């Protein structure tokens, strides 16, 4: 399984979102057990959609991410299409509907 690359500043994150057609941002905190449990499952799903770029951001390392994206709980999964937020899932993310949404985005954008 491929681990998501880490982004360690808002500047890096802004560049990441703007420079990719479709991107997924996984926002977590170091002491969040839900975050650590969900991440491998999201990574596994995203392996099926290789054209979607992914990154992980720790709100502990980049605290301004919470204000920039109005985040009140973690984990948060954000999907951007051409720089605009297209999907948001927070805290409890049902994996089957999440994958259906990712497949819909992928098929609509890349096929």
Protein backbone atom coordinates (compact mmCIF):
# COMPACT_ATOMS: atom_id res chain seq x y z
CA UNK A 1 0.00 0.00 0.00
CA UNK A 2 1.27 3.45 -0.90
CA UNK A 3 1.37 6.01 1.89
CA UNK A 4 0.14 9.49 1.10
CA UNK A 5 2.94 12.06 0.83
CA UNK A 6 2.91 14.62 3.63
CA UNK A 7 2.40 18.34 3.13
CA UNK A 8 3.94 20.53 5.80
CA UNK A 9 2.85 24.09 5.00
CA UNK A 10 -0.16 25.98 3.69
CA UNK A 11 1.94 27.20 0.76
CA UNK A 12 2.73 23.60 -0.23
CA UNK A 13 -0.93 22.65 0.17
CA UNK A 14 -2.18 25.57 -1.93
CA UNK A 15 0.34 24.70 -4.67
CA UNK A 16 -0.66 21.01 -4.48
CA UNK A 17 -4.37 21.80 -4.92
CA UNK A 18 -3.84 24.31 -7.71
CA UNK A 19 -1.35 22.20 -9.68
CA UNK A 20 -3.45 19.01 -9.88
CA UNK A 21 -6.65 18.51 -11.88
CA UNK A 22 -8.11 16.24 -9.20
CA UNK A 23 -6.60 15.97 -5.72
CA UNK A 24 -7.43 14.44 -2.37
CA UNK A 25 -6.30 15.99 0.92
CA UNK A 26 -6.44 13.90 4.11
CA UNK A 27 -6.32 16.08 7.22
CA UNK A 28 -5.58 14.47 10.56
CA UNK A 29 -3.97 15.02 13.97
CA UNK A 30 -1.19 13.03 15.61
CA UNK A 31 -3.24 11.90 18.66
CA UNK A 32 -6.39 10.96 16.72
CA UNK A 33 -7.05 7.21 16.77
CA UNK A 34 -9.86 7.51 14.20
CA UNK A 35 -7.43 9.32 11.88
CA UNK A 36 -4.85 6.55 12.16
CA UNK A 37 -7.48 3.84 11.65
CA UNK A 38 -9.12 5.44 8.63
CA UNK A 39 -5.99 6.49 6.73
CA UNK A 40 -4.91 3.00 5.53
CA UNK A 41 -8.45 2.31 4.31
CA UNK A 42 -8.56 5.56 2.32
CA UNK A 43 -5.05 4.88 0.95
CA UNK A 44 -6.18 1.42 -0.16
CA UNK A 45 -9.20 2.83 -1.99
CA UNK A 46 -7.14 5.54 -3.67
CA UNK A 47 -4.70 2.98 -5.12
CA UNK A 48 -7.50 2.12 -7.58
CA UNK A 49 -7.57 5.74 -8.83
CA UNK A 50 -3.93 6.54 -9.65
CA UNK A 51 -4.60 9.75 -11.56
CA UNK A 52 -5.99 11.43 -8.44
CA UNK A 53 -3.09 13.03 -6.56
CA UNK A 54 -3.12 12.60 -2.78
CA UNK A 55 -1.54 14.21 0.24
CA UNK A 56 -1.81 14.09 4.01
CA UNK A 57 -1.73 17.16 6.26
CA UNK A 58 -1.36 17.09 10.03
CA UNK A 59 -3.33 19.87 11.72
CA UNK A 60 -0.70 19.69 14.46
CA UNK A 61 2.06 20.66 12.00
CA UNK A 62 -0.06 23.02 9.85
CA UNK A 63 -2.60 24.44 12.34
CA UNK A 64 -3.83 27.10 9.90
CA UNK A 65 -5.34 24.33 7.73
CA UNK A 66 -8.30 24.22 10.13
CA UNK A 67 -9.20 27.86 9.55
CA UNK A 68 -8.45 27.78 5.84
CA UNK A 69 -10.93 24.93 5.22
CA UNK A 70 -13.38 25.45 8.14
CA UNK A 71 -12.42 22.20 9.83
CA UNK A 72 -13.84 21.52 13.28
CA UNK A 73 -13.05 17.81 13.66
CA UNK A 74 -10.65 15.28 12.16
CA UNK A 75 -10.13 13.25 10.10
CA UNK A 76 -11.31 15.19 7.09
CA UNK A 77 -11.11 14.07 3.47
CA UNK A 78 -11.34 16.85 0.90
CA UNK A 79 -11.44 16.23 -2.84
CA UNK A 80 -10.72 19.11 -5.19
CA UNK A 81 -11.50 19.24 -8.90
CA UNK A 82 -9.65 21.99 -10.76
CA UNK A 83 -8.92 23.74 -7.46
CA UNK A 84 -12.52 23.77 -6.21
CA UNK A 85 -13.76 21.67 -3.31
CA UNK A 86 -15.97 18.92 -4.70
CA UNK A 87 -16.30 16.47 -1.79
CA UNK A 88 -15.92 16.69 1.97
CA UNK A 89 -16.11 13.87 4.48
CA UNK A 90 -15.41 14.33 8.19
CA UNK A 91 -14.92 12.16 11.28
CA UNK A 92 -16.99 9.11 10.33
CA UNK A 93 -16.63 8.47 6.60
CA UNK A 94 -18.61 5.49 5.27
CA UNK A 95 -16.15 3.84 2.90
CA UNK A 96 -18.56 2.42 0.33
CA UNK A 97 -20.29 5.75 -0.44
CA UNK A 98 -16.87 7.46 -0.37
CA UNK A 99 -15.51 5.07 -2.98
CA UNK A 100 -18.63 5.47 -5.13
CA UNK A 101 -18.10 9.25 -5.11
CA UNK A 102 -14.39 8.88 -5.98
CA UNK A 103 -15.25 6.50 -8.83
CA UNK A 104 -17.87 8.95 -10.12
CA UNK A 105 -15.34 11.81 -10.06
CA UNK A 106 -12.64 9.64 -11.66
CA UNK A 107 -14.86 8.28 -14.41
CA UNK A 108 -16.31 11.70 -15.15
CA UNK A 109 -12.98 13.48 -15.28
CA UNK A 110 -10.59 10.91 -16.74
CA UNK A 111 -12.72 8.66 -18.95
